[in-house]
N, C-alpha and C. Protein backbone atom coordinates (compact mmCIF):
# COMPACT_ATOMS: atom_id res chain seq x y z
N MET A 1 9.10 2.85 -24.05
CA MET A 1 8.27 2.54 -22.91
C MET A 1 7.01 1.78 -23.32
N SER A 2 7.11 0.93 -24.29
CA SER A 2 5.92 0.24 -24.74
C SER A 2 5.67 -1.07 -24.01
N ASP A 3 6.67 -1.63 -23.37
CA ASP A 3 6.45 -2.90 -22.69
C ASP A 3 5.91 -2.70 -21.28
N ASP A 4 5.17 -3.69 -20.80
CA ASP A 4 4.55 -3.60 -19.47
C ASP A 4 5.57 -3.45 -18.36
N ALA A 5 6.68 -4.16 -18.45
CA ALA A 5 7.72 -4.07 -17.42
C ALA A 5 8.31 -2.67 -17.39
N GLY A 6 8.50 -2.06 -18.54
CA GLY A 6 9.01 -0.69 -18.60
C GLY A 6 8.04 0.30 -17.98
N HIS A 7 6.75 0.11 -18.25
CA HIS A 7 5.73 0.97 -17.67
C HIS A 7 5.70 0.81 -16.15
N GLU A 8 5.80 -0.44 -15.71
CA GLU A 8 5.79 -0.71 -14.27
C GLU A 8 6.98 -0.04 -13.59
N ARG A 9 8.16 -0.17 -14.18
CA ARG A 9 9.36 0.48 -13.60
C ARG A 9 9.19 1.99 -13.57
N LEU A 10 8.63 2.55 -14.63
CA LEU A 10 8.41 3.99 -14.68
C LEU A 10 7.41 4.42 -13.61
N LEU A 11 6.33 3.68 -13.46
CA LEU A 11 5.33 4.02 -12.45
C LEU A 11 5.93 3.97 -11.04
N ILE A 12 6.74 2.96 -10.77
CA ILE A 12 7.38 2.85 -9.46
C ILE A 12 8.32 4.02 -9.23
N ALA A 13 9.15 4.32 -10.23
CA ALA A 13 10.08 5.44 -10.09
C ALA A 13 9.34 6.76 -9.90
N LEU A 14 8.27 6.95 -10.65
CA LEU A 14 7.50 8.19 -10.53
C LEU A 14 6.81 8.29 -9.17
N SER A 15 6.33 7.16 -8.66
CA SER A 15 5.68 7.20 -7.35
C SER A 15 6.65 7.66 -6.28
N LEU A 16 7.88 7.17 -6.32
CA LEU A 16 8.88 7.61 -5.35
C LEU A 16 9.29 9.06 -5.57
N ALA A 17 9.44 9.45 -6.83
CA ALA A 17 9.83 10.82 -7.13
C ALA A 17 8.77 11.80 -6.63
N MET A 18 7.52 11.42 -6.74
CA MET A 18 6.45 12.32 -6.30
C MET A 18 6.38 12.41 -4.78
N VAL A 19 6.84 11.38 -4.09
CA VAL A 19 6.91 11.45 -2.63
C VAL A 19 8.11 12.30 -2.21
N ASP A 20 9.24 12.07 -2.86
CA ASP A 20 10.46 12.80 -2.51
C ASP A 20 10.42 14.26 -2.94
N GLN A 21 9.70 14.55 -4.04
CA GLN A 21 9.62 15.91 -4.57
C GLN A 21 8.14 16.25 -4.81
N PRO A 22 7.38 16.46 -3.76
CA PRO A 22 5.93 16.61 -3.90
C PRO A 22 5.47 17.77 -4.76
N ARG A 23 6.29 18.79 -4.94
CA ARG A 23 5.89 19.94 -5.74
C ARG A 23 6.60 20.00 -7.09
N ALA A 24 7.24 18.93 -7.47
CA ALA A 24 8.02 18.91 -8.72
C ALA A 24 7.11 19.04 -9.94
N THR A 25 7.64 19.72 -10.94
CA THR A 25 6.95 19.82 -12.23
C THR A 25 7.15 18.51 -12.99
N LEU A 26 6.43 18.35 -14.09
CA LEU A 26 6.63 17.16 -14.92
C LEU A 26 8.08 17.09 -15.41
N GLN A 27 8.64 18.21 -15.76
CA GLN A 27 10.03 18.22 -16.23
C GLN A 27 10.98 17.77 -15.12
N GLU A 28 10.75 18.24 -13.91
CA GLU A 28 11.59 17.83 -12.78
C GLU A 28 11.40 16.35 -12.46
N LEU A 29 10.17 15.88 -12.56
CA LEU A 29 9.90 14.46 -12.34
C LEU A 29 10.58 13.60 -13.41
N ALA A 30 10.50 14.04 -14.63
CA ALA A 30 11.15 13.32 -15.73
C ALA A 30 12.64 13.21 -15.46
N ARG A 31 13.25 14.31 -15.09
CA ARG A 31 14.68 14.32 -14.79
C ARG A 31 14.98 13.37 -13.61
N ALA A 32 14.13 13.39 -12.59
CA ALA A 32 14.35 12.57 -11.40
C ALA A 32 14.31 11.07 -11.70
N VAL A 33 13.50 10.68 -12.70
CA VAL A 33 13.38 9.25 -13.02
C VAL A 33 14.20 8.85 -14.24
N GLY A 34 14.90 9.81 -14.83
CA GLY A 34 15.80 9.50 -15.93
C GLY A 34 15.15 9.31 -17.29
N VAL A 35 14.06 10.04 -17.53
CA VAL A 35 13.45 10.01 -18.86
C VAL A 35 13.32 11.45 -19.34
N SER A 36 13.08 11.60 -20.64
CA SER A 36 12.89 12.94 -21.18
C SER A 36 11.50 13.45 -20.81
N LYS A 37 11.36 14.77 -20.86
CA LYS A 37 10.06 15.37 -20.61
C LYS A 37 9.05 14.88 -21.66
N ALA A 38 9.51 14.71 -22.89
CA ALA A 38 8.62 14.24 -23.96
C ALA A 38 8.12 12.82 -23.66
N THR A 39 9.00 11.98 -23.16
CA THR A 39 8.59 10.61 -22.80
C THR A 39 7.54 10.63 -21.70
N LEU A 40 7.80 11.43 -20.68
CA LEU A 40 6.84 11.52 -19.58
C LEU A 40 5.53 12.15 -20.07
N TYR A 41 5.62 13.14 -20.95
CA TYR A 41 4.43 13.80 -21.47
C TYR A 41 3.57 12.81 -22.27
N ARG A 42 4.22 11.91 -23.03
CA ARG A 42 3.46 10.88 -23.76
C ARG A 42 2.78 9.93 -22.78
N PHE A 43 3.41 9.72 -21.65
CA PHE A 43 2.90 8.82 -20.62
C PHE A 43 1.71 9.46 -19.89
N CYS A 44 1.87 10.73 -19.50
CA CYS A 44 0.83 11.51 -18.83
C CYS A 44 1.07 12.97 -19.16
N GLN A 45 0.03 13.66 -19.62
CA GLN A 45 0.20 15.04 -20.07
C GLN A 45 0.16 16.07 -18.95
N THR A 46 -0.41 15.70 -17.82
CA THR A 46 -0.47 16.63 -16.69
C THR A 46 -0.11 15.90 -15.40
N ARG A 47 0.23 16.68 -14.43
CA ARG A 47 0.53 16.12 -13.10
C ARG A 47 -0.71 15.43 -12.53
N GLU A 48 -1.88 16.00 -12.74
CA GLU A 48 -3.13 15.40 -12.25
C GLU A 48 -3.38 14.04 -12.90
N GLN A 49 -3.10 13.95 -14.21
CA GLN A 49 -3.24 12.65 -14.89
C GLN A 49 -2.26 11.64 -14.31
N LEU A 50 -1.07 12.10 -13.98
CA LEU A 50 -0.07 11.20 -13.40
C LEU A 50 -0.53 10.69 -12.03
N VAL A 51 -1.05 11.57 -11.20
CA VAL A 51 -1.55 11.15 -9.89
C VAL A 51 -2.69 10.15 -10.07
N THR A 52 -3.60 10.44 -10.96
CA THR A 52 -4.73 9.53 -11.22
C THR A 52 -4.22 8.18 -11.70
N ARG A 53 -3.28 8.19 -12.63
CA ARG A 53 -2.73 6.94 -13.16
C ARG A 53 -2.04 6.14 -12.06
N LEU A 54 -1.28 6.81 -11.20
CA LEU A 54 -0.62 6.11 -10.10
C LEU A 54 -1.62 5.58 -9.08
N MET A 55 -2.68 6.33 -8.83
CA MET A 55 -3.72 5.89 -7.89
C MET A 55 -4.44 4.64 -8.42
N THR A 56 -4.82 4.67 -9.68
CA THR A 56 -5.54 3.51 -10.23
C THR A 56 -4.60 2.32 -10.39
N HIS A 57 -3.35 2.56 -10.75
CA HIS A 57 -2.38 1.47 -10.83
C HIS A 57 -2.15 0.89 -9.43
N GLY A 58 -2.05 1.77 -8.45
CA GLY A 58 -1.89 1.30 -7.07
C GLY A 58 -3.05 0.42 -6.64
N ALA A 59 -4.26 0.80 -7.03
CA ALA A 59 -5.44 -0.01 -6.70
C ALA A 59 -5.35 -1.40 -7.32
N GLN A 60 -4.94 -1.46 -8.58
CA GLN A 60 -4.81 -2.76 -9.25
C GLN A 60 -3.77 -3.63 -8.55
N VAL A 61 -2.64 -3.04 -8.22
CA VAL A 61 -1.55 -3.79 -7.59
C VAL A 61 -1.96 -4.25 -6.19
N MET A 62 -2.58 -3.38 -5.42
CA MET A 62 -2.96 -3.74 -4.05
C MET A 62 -4.10 -4.77 -4.04
N LYS A 63 -5.01 -4.67 -5.00
CA LYS A 63 -6.06 -5.69 -5.08
C LYS A 63 -5.46 -7.05 -5.46
N GLN A 64 -4.46 -7.04 -6.33
CA GLN A 64 -3.78 -8.29 -6.67
C GLN A 64 -3.03 -8.83 -5.44
N ALA A 65 -2.50 -7.93 -4.62
CA ALA A 65 -1.83 -8.34 -3.39
C ALA A 65 -2.81 -9.07 -2.47
N LEU A 66 -4.04 -8.61 -2.43
CA LEU A 66 -5.06 -9.29 -1.62
C LEU A 66 -5.30 -10.70 -2.15
N ILE A 67 -5.40 -10.83 -3.45
CA ILE A 67 -5.61 -12.15 -4.07
C ILE A 67 -4.43 -13.06 -3.77
N ASN A 68 -3.23 -12.54 -3.95
CA ASN A 68 -2.02 -13.33 -3.71
C ASN A 68 -1.85 -13.73 -2.25
N SER A 69 -2.49 -13.01 -1.35
CA SER A 69 -2.39 -13.31 0.08
C SER A 69 -3.28 -14.47 0.50
N ARG A 70 -4.15 -14.91 -0.40
CA ARG A 70 -5.03 -16.06 -0.15
C ARG A 70 -5.89 -15.87 1.10
N LEU A 71 -6.54 -14.73 1.17
CA LEU A 71 -7.34 -14.38 2.34
C LEU A 71 -8.50 -15.33 2.58
N ASP A 72 -9.01 -15.94 1.53
CA ASP A 72 -10.15 -16.85 1.67
C ASP A 72 -9.74 -18.24 2.12
N SER A 73 -8.52 -18.65 1.79
CA SER A 73 -8.15 -20.04 2.02
C SER A 73 -7.03 -20.26 3.03
N ALA A 74 -6.14 -19.32 3.19
CA ALA A 74 -5.02 -19.50 4.12
C ALA A 74 -5.50 -19.36 5.56
N ALA A 75 -4.79 -19.99 6.46
CA ALA A 75 -5.06 -19.79 7.88
C ALA A 75 -4.90 -18.29 8.17
N PRO A 76 -5.74 -17.72 9.03
CA PRO A 76 -5.70 -16.28 9.24
C PRO A 76 -4.32 -15.71 9.59
N ARG A 77 -3.58 -16.35 10.45
CA ARG A 77 -2.24 -15.84 10.80
C ARG A 77 -1.31 -15.89 9.59
N ASP A 78 -1.40 -16.95 8.81
CA ASP A 78 -0.59 -17.04 7.59
C ASP A 78 -1.01 -15.96 6.60
N ALA A 79 -2.29 -15.71 6.51
CA ALA A 79 -2.79 -14.69 5.59
C ALA A 79 -2.31 -13.30 6.01
N VAL A 80 -2.24 -13.02 7.32
CA VAL A 80 -1.70 -11.74 7.78
C VAL A 80 -0.25 -11.61 7.34
N ARG A 81 0.51 -12.67 7.52
CA ARG A 81 1.92 -12.67 7.08
C ARG A 81 1.99 -12.43 5.57
N ASN A 82 1.14 -13.11 4.81
CA ASN A 82 1.11 -12.93 3.36
C ASN A 82 0.75 -11.48 2.99
N LEU A 83 -0.25 -10.91 3.68
CA LEU A 83 -0.66 -9.53 3.42
C LEU A 83 0.50 -8.56 3.63
N ILE A 84 1.21 -8.74 4.71
CA ILE A 84 2.34 -7.86 5.01
C ILE A 84 3.40 -7.99 3.93
N GLU A 85 3.76 -9.21 3.60
CA GLU A 85 4.79 -9.44 2.57
C GLU A 85 4.37 -8.87 1.22
N GLN A 86 3.11 -9.07 0.86
CA GLN A 86 2.62 -8.56 -0.42
C GLN A 86 2.66 -7.03 -0.47
N HIS A 87 2.27 -6.40 0.62
CA HIS A 87 2.30 -4.94 0.65
C HIS A 87 3.75 -4.42 0.66
N LEU A 88 4.63 -5.09 1.37
CA LEU A 88 6.03 -4.67 1.37
C LEU A 88 6.68 -4.86 0.00
N ALA A 89 6.22 -5.83 -0.75
CA ALA A 89 6.75 -6.05 -2.10
C ALA A 89 6.42 -4.88 -3.02
N HIS A 90 5.44 -4.10 -2.65
CA HIS A 90 5.02 -2.94 -3.45
C HIS A 90 5.11 -1.67 -2.62
N LYS A 91 6.17 -1.56 -1.85
CA LYS A 91 6.28 -0.46 -0.90
C LYS A 91 6.33 0.92 -1.56
N GLU A 92 6.87 1.00 -2.77
CA GLU A 92 6.93 2.30 -3.44
C GLU A 92 5.53 2.83 -3.72
N LEU A 93 4.67 1.95 -4.19
CA LEU A 93 3.28 2.38 -4.43
C LEU A 93 2.55 2.65 -3.12
N ALA A 94 2.83 1.83 -2.12
CA ALA A 94 2.17 2.02 -0.82
C ALA A 94 2.52 3.38 -0.23
N ILE A 95 3.78 3.77 -0.32
CA ILE A 95 4.18 5.06 0.24
C ILE A 95 3.59 6.20 -0.59
N PHE A 96 3.53 6.05 -1.90
CA PHE A 96 2.88 7.07 -2.73
C PHE A 96 1.42 7.22 -2.31
N LEU A 97 0.73 6.11 -2.15
CA LEU A 97 -0.68 6.15 -1.78
C LEU A 97 -0.86 6.82 -0.42
N MET A 98 0.04 6.53 0.49
CA MET A 98 -0.04 7.14 1.82
C MET A 98 0.06 8.66 1.73
N TYR A 99 0.97 9.14 0.91
CA TYR A 99 1.20 10.58 0.81
C TYR A 99 0.16 11.30 -0.05
N HIS A 100 -0.47 10.60 -0.98
CA HIS A 100 -1.37 11.27 -1.92
C HIS A 100 -2.84 10.90 -1.76
N TRP A 101 -3.15 9.99 -0.85
CA TRP A 101 -4.55 9.62 -0.65
C TRP A 101 -5.29 10.79 -0.02
N LYS A 102 -6.51 11.03 -0.51
CA LYS A 102 -7.36 12.08 0.03
C LYS A 102 -8.66 11.44 0.48
N PRO A 103 -9.36 12.11 1.38
CA PRO A 103 -10.66 11.56 1.79
C PRO A 103 -11.54 11.30 0.58
N ASP A 104 -12.44 10.34 0.74
CA ASP A 104 -13.30 9.91 -0.36
C ASP A 104 -13.96 11.05 -1.11
N SER A 105 -14.39 12.06 -0.41
CA SER A 105 -15.10 13.15 -1.07
C SER A 105 -14.20 13.99 -1.96
N GLU A 106 -12.88 13.89 -1.80
CA GLU A 106 -11.97 14.69 -2.60
C GLU A 106 -11.36 13.93 -3.78
N MET A 107 -11.61 12.63 -3.88
CA MET A 107 -11.03 11.81 -4.95
C MET A 107 -11.97 11.78 -6.15
N GLN A 108 -11.39 11.64 -7.33
CA GLN A 108 -12.18 11.52 -8.54
C GLN A 108 -12.97 10.21 -8.49
N PRO A 109 -14.20 10.22 -9.01
CA PRO A 109 -15.02 9.01 -8.96
C PRO A 109 -14.35 7.79 -9.60
N ASP A 110 -13.63 7.96 -10.71
CA ASP A 110 -12.99 6.80 -11.34
C ASP A 110 -11.85 6.25 -10.48
N VAL A 111 -11.17 7.12 -9.74
CA VAL A 111 -10.14 6.63 -8.83
C VAL A 111 -10.80 5.86 -7.69
N MET A 112 -11.86 6.40 -7.13
CA MET A 112 -12.56 5.71 -6.04
C MET A 112 -13.12 4.38 -6.52
N ASP A 113 -13.64 4.34 -7.74
CA ASP A 113 -14.16 3.08 -8.29
C ASP A 113 -13.06 2.03 -8.41
N SER A 114 -11.85 2.46 -8.73
CA SER A 114 -10.75 1.50 -8.88
C SER A 114 -10.40 0.83 -7.55
N TRP A 115 -10.70 1.49 -6.44
CA TRP A 115 -10.43 0.93 -5.11
C TRP A 115 -11.60 0.14 -4.55
N SER A 116 -12.71 0.11 -5.28
CA SER A 116 -13.90 -0.58 -4.80
C SER A 116 -13.57 -2.02 -4.43
N GLY A 117 -13.95 -2.39 -3.23
CA GLY A 117 -13.75 -3.76 -2.78
C GLY A 117 -12.50 -4.00 -1.96
N TYR A 118 -11.54 -3.11 -1.99
CA TYR A 118 -10.28 -3.32 -1.26
C TYR A 118 -10.52 -3.41 0.24
N GLN A 119 -11.11 -2.37 0.82
CA GLN A 119 -11.37 -2.39 2.26
C GLN A 119 -12.37 -3.47 2.63
N GLU A 120 -13.37 -3.66 1.80
CA GLU A 120 -14.39 -4.66 2.09
C GLU A 120 -13.78 -6.07 2.13
N THR A 121 -12.83 -6.33 1.26
CA THR A 121 -12.15 -7.63 1.25
C THR A 121 -11.37 -7.83 2.54
N LEU A 122 -10.65 -6.80 2.95
CA LEU A 122 -9.90 -6.89 4.21
C LEU A 122 -10.84 -7.03 5.40
N ASP A 123 -11.93 -6.26 5.41
CA ASP A 123 -12.91 -6.37 6.50
C ASP A 123 -13.45 -7.79 6.59
N ALA A 124 -13.79 -8.38 5.45
CA ALA A 124 -14.34 -9.75 5.43
C ALA A 124 -13.30 -10.75 5.93
N PHE A 125 -12.04 -10.56 5.57
CA PHE A 125 -10.97 -11.43 6.07
C PHE A 125 -10.87 -11.35 7.59
N PHE A 126 -10.84 -10.13 8.13
CA PHE A 126 -10.72 -10.00 9.59
C PHE A 126 -11.95 -10.54 10.29
N LEU A 127 -13.12 -10.37 9.70
CA LEU A 127 -14.33 -10.94 10.27
C LEU A 127 -14.24 -12.47 10.30
N ARG A 128 -13.72 -13.06 9.23
CA ARG A 128 -13.53 -14.52 9.20
C ARG A 128 -12.59 -14.94 10.33
N GLY A 129 -11.51 -14.21 10.51
CA GLY A 129 -10.56 -14.52 11.58
C GLY A 129 -11.18 -14.38 12.96
N GLN A 130 -12.06 -13.41 13.11
CA GLN A 130 -12.76 -13.25 14.39
C GLN A 130 -13.71 -14.42 14.63
N ARG A 131 -14.42 -14.81 13.59
CA ARG A 131 -15.36 -15.93 13.73
C ARG A 131 -14.65 -17.25 14.03
N GLU A 132 -13.42 -17.38 13.53
CA GLU A 132 -12.63 -18.58 13.78
C GLU A 132 -11.88 -18.52 15.11
N GLY A 133 -12.05 -17.41 15.84
CA GLY A 133 -11.42 -17.27 17.14
C GLY A 133 -9.94 -16.92 17.11
N VAL A 134 -9.46 -16.45 15.97
CA VAL A 134 -8.04 -16.11 15.83
C VAL A 134 -7.78 -14.65 16.18
N PHE A 135 -8.70 -13.77 15.80
CA PHE A 135 -8.54 -12.34 16.04
C PHE A 135 -9.50 -11.88 17.12
N ARG A 136 -9.13 -10.84 17.81
CA ARG A 136 -9.94 -10.25 18.86
C ARG A 136 -11.31 -9.84 18.31
N VAL A 137 -12.32 -9.98 19.15
CA VAL A 137 -13.66 -9.56 18.75
C VAL A 137 -14.06 -8.24 19.38
N ASP A 138 -13.22 -7.74 20.29
CA ASP A 138 -13.54 -6.45 20.92
C ASP A 138 -13.07 -5.26 20.07
N ILE A 139 -12.45 -5.54 18.94
CA ILE A 139 -12.06 -4.52 17.98
C ILE A 139 -12.76 -4.89 16.67
N THR A 140 -13.45 -3.95 16.06
CA THR A 140 -14.20 -4.26 14.85
C THR A 140 -13.27 -4.69 13.71
N ALA A 141 -13.83 -5.42 12.77
CA ALA A 141 -13.08 -5.83 11.58
C ALA A 141 -12.59 -4.61 10.80
N ALA A 142 -13.43 -3.58 10.73
CA ALA A 142 -13.02 -2.35 10.03
C ALA A 142 -11.82 -1.70 10.73
N ALA A 143 -11.82 -1.70 12.06
CA ALA A 143 -10.68 -1.14 12.79
C ALA A 143 -9.43 -1.97 12.56
N LEU A 144 -9.57 -3.29 12.49
CA LEU A 144 -8.41 -4.15 12.20
C LEU A 144 -7.86 -3.87 10.81
N THR A 145 -8.75 -3.63 9.86
CA THR A 145 -8.31 -3.25 8.52
C THR A 145 -7.49 -1.96 8.57
N GLU A 146 -8.00 -0.96 9.26
CA GLU A 146 -7.30 0.32 9.36
C GLU A 146 -5.95 0.15 10.07
N LEU A 147 -5.92 -0.68 11.10
CA LEU A 147 -4.66 -0.93 11.81
C LEU A 147 -3.64 -1.59 10.91
N LEU A 148 -4.07 -2.58 10.13
CA LEU A 148 -3.17 -3.25 9.20
C LEU A 148 -2.55 -2.24 8.23
N ILE A 149 -3.38 -1.44 7.61
CA ILE A 149 -2.90 -0.46 6.64
C ILE A 149 -1.96 0.54 7.30
N THR A 150 -2.33 1.00 8.48
CA THR A 150 -1.52 1.99 9.19
C THR A 150 -0.17 1.42 9.60
N VAL A 151 -0.16 0.22 10.14
CA VAL A 151 1.10 -0.37 10.58
C VAL A 151 2.03 -0.57 9.38
N ILE A 152 1.51 -1.11 8.31
CA ILE A 152 2.36 -1.37 7.13
C ILE A 152 2.89 -0.07 6.54
N THR A 153 2.02 0.89 6.31
CA THR A 153 2.48 2.13 5.68
C THR A 153 3.41 2.92 6.59
N SER A 154 3.17 2.90 7.88
CA SER A 154 4.06 3.65 8.78
C SER A 154 5.44 3.00 8.85
N MET A 155 5.51 1.68 8.78
CA MET A 155 6.81 1.00 8.79
C MET A 155 7.56 1.28 7.49
N ILE A 156 6.86 1.28 6.37
CA ILE A 156 7.49 1.60 5.08
C ILE A 156 8.02 3.03 5.10
N ASP A 157 7.22 3.95 5.62
CA ASP A 157 7.65 5.34 5.68
C ASP A 157 8.85 5.51 6.63
N ALA A 158 8.83 4.83 7.75
CA ALA A 158 9.95 4.93 8.70
C ALA A 158 11.23 4.40 8.07
N GLU A 159 11.13 3.35 7.28
CA GLU A 159 12.31 2.85 6.58
C GLU A 159 12.79 3.87 5.56
N ARG A 160 11.87 4.45 4.81
CA ARG A 160 12.22 5.44 3.79
C ARG A 160 12.93 6.64 4.40
N ARG A 161 12.52 7.04 5.59
CA ARG A 161 13.12 8.18 6.26
C ARG A 161 14.39 7.81 7.04
N GLY A 162 14.75 6.52 7.05
CA GLY A 162 15.97 6.09 7.72
C GLY A 162 15.82 5.84 9.21
N ARG A 163 14.60 5.78 9.71
CA ARG A 163 14.37 5.54 11.14
C ARG A 163 14.55 4.08 11.52
N ILE A 164 14.19 3.20 10.62
CA ILE A 164 14.32 1.76 10.89
C ILE A 164 14.93 1.07 9.67
N ALA A 165 15.52 -0.08 9.91
CA ALA A 165 16.12 -0.86 8.82
C ALA A 165 15.06 -1.70 8.13
N ARG A 166 15.27 -1.97 6.85
CA ARG A 166 14.34 -2.79 6.07
C ARG A 166 14.24 -4.20 6.64
N LEU A 167 15.38 -4.73 7.04
CA LEU A 167 15.41 -6.08 7.57
C LEU A 167 14.54 -6.17 8.82
N GLY A 168 13.61 -7.05 8.80
CA GLY A 168 12.77 -7.27 9.96
C GLY A 168 11.46 -6.50 9.99
N ILE A 169 11.21 -5.65 8.99
CA ILE A 169 9.96 -4.89 8.99
C ILE A 169 8.76 -5.82 8.99
N ALA A 170 8.80 -6.86 8.19
CA ALA A 170 7.66 -7.78 8.11
C ALA A 170 7.40 -8.42 9.47
N THR A 171 8.44 -8.82 10.16
CA THR A 171 8.29 -9.45 11.47
C THR A 171 7.73 -8.47 12.48
N VAL A 172 8.26 -7.25 12.49
CA VAL A 172 7.77 -6.24 13.42
C VAL A 172 6.29 -5.96 13.15
N ALA A 173 5.91 -5.79 11.89
CA ALA A 173 4.51 -5.51 11.55
C ALA A 173 3.62 -6.68 11.97
N GLU A 174 4.06 -7.89 11.70
CA GLU A 174 3.27 -9.07 12.08
C GLU A 174 3.10 -9.16 13.59
N GLN A 175 4.18 -9.00 14.33
CA GLN A 175 4.11 -9.07 15.79
C GLN A 175 3.20 -7.98 16.35
N MET A 176 3.32 -6.79 15.79
CA MET A 176 2.49 -5.68 16.25
C MET A 176 1.01 -5.96 16.01
N LEU A 177 0.70 -6.46 14.82
CA LEU A 177 -0.69 -6.73 14.49
C LEU A 177 -1.27 -7.88 15.30
N LEU A 178 -0.49 -8.92 15.47
CA LEU A 178 -1.03 -10.10 16.15
C LEU A 178 -0.94 -10.03 17.67
N TYR A 179 0.05 -9.30 18.22
CA TYR A 179 0.27 -9.35 19.66
C TYR A 179 0.31 -8.00 20.35
N GLY A 180 0.33 -6.90 19.59
CA GLY A 180 0.37 -5.58 20.21
C GLY A 180 1.73 -5.25 20.77
N ILE A 181 1.77 -4.29 21.68
CA ILE A 181 3.05 -3.83 22.21
C ILE A 181 3.37 -4.38 23.60
N ALA A 182 2.49 -5.16 24.16
CA ALA A 182 2.75 -5.70 25.51
C ALA A 182 3.87 -6.73 25.46
N GLU A 183 4.66 -6.76 26.53
CA GLU A 183 5.67 -7.79 26.70
C GLU A 183 4.95 -9.14 26.66
N PRO A 184 5.47 -10.14 25.92
CA PRO A 184 4.77 -11.42 25.78
C PRO A 184 4.28 -12.02 27.12
N ALA A 185 5.10 -11.96 28.14
CA ALA A 185 4.69 -12.51 29.43
C ALA A 185 3.55 -11.67 30.02
N ALA A 186 3.58 -10.36 29.81
CA ALA A 186 2.55 -9.47 30.34
C ALA A 186 1.23 -9.59 29.58
N ALA A 187 1.29 -10.08 28.35
CA ALA A 187 0.08 -10.20 27.52
C ALA A 187 -0.82 -11.33 27.96
N ARG A 188 -0.29 -12.23 28.74
CA ARG A 188 -1.09 -13.41 29.14
C ARG A 188 -2.06 -13.11 30.24
């Protein structure tokens, strides 16, 4: 497990295993992802260290997703599409984060520091879209950020639970974010 790709695969597998088996021991998690307990122990010695490692890794991946979405330069609607696609590309980490995220006061300071700037970047993007007349101004940029995160994570979770098919999730999320639930003719 010395190569970066191997670590990434292990982190993804562990994130899913921790969602599927929330009370699993390290030994059970190791078995679930197909590695020995010794290998997992070298990777993380405690369950708490594993959660912290997954949280900070998730922050790095999601911050890179923001960069890849070109929030500063792409047209706002295109950037929303990019944001959705980028988050769906990392759905295993997104679902782990959804299930293991705790309010700010309950998270370790180093984990919270790793997320510094994520929400602020999204807020600034939505504010830019509002100023350009693309997004509604009667809903705050912070609320739009929360809606984006909620729509994406809820669609990923619904797919994981078998409620909806993977095909079309990006389109559904985009339509929901940009147009809401009103019938197109009724929205006018």
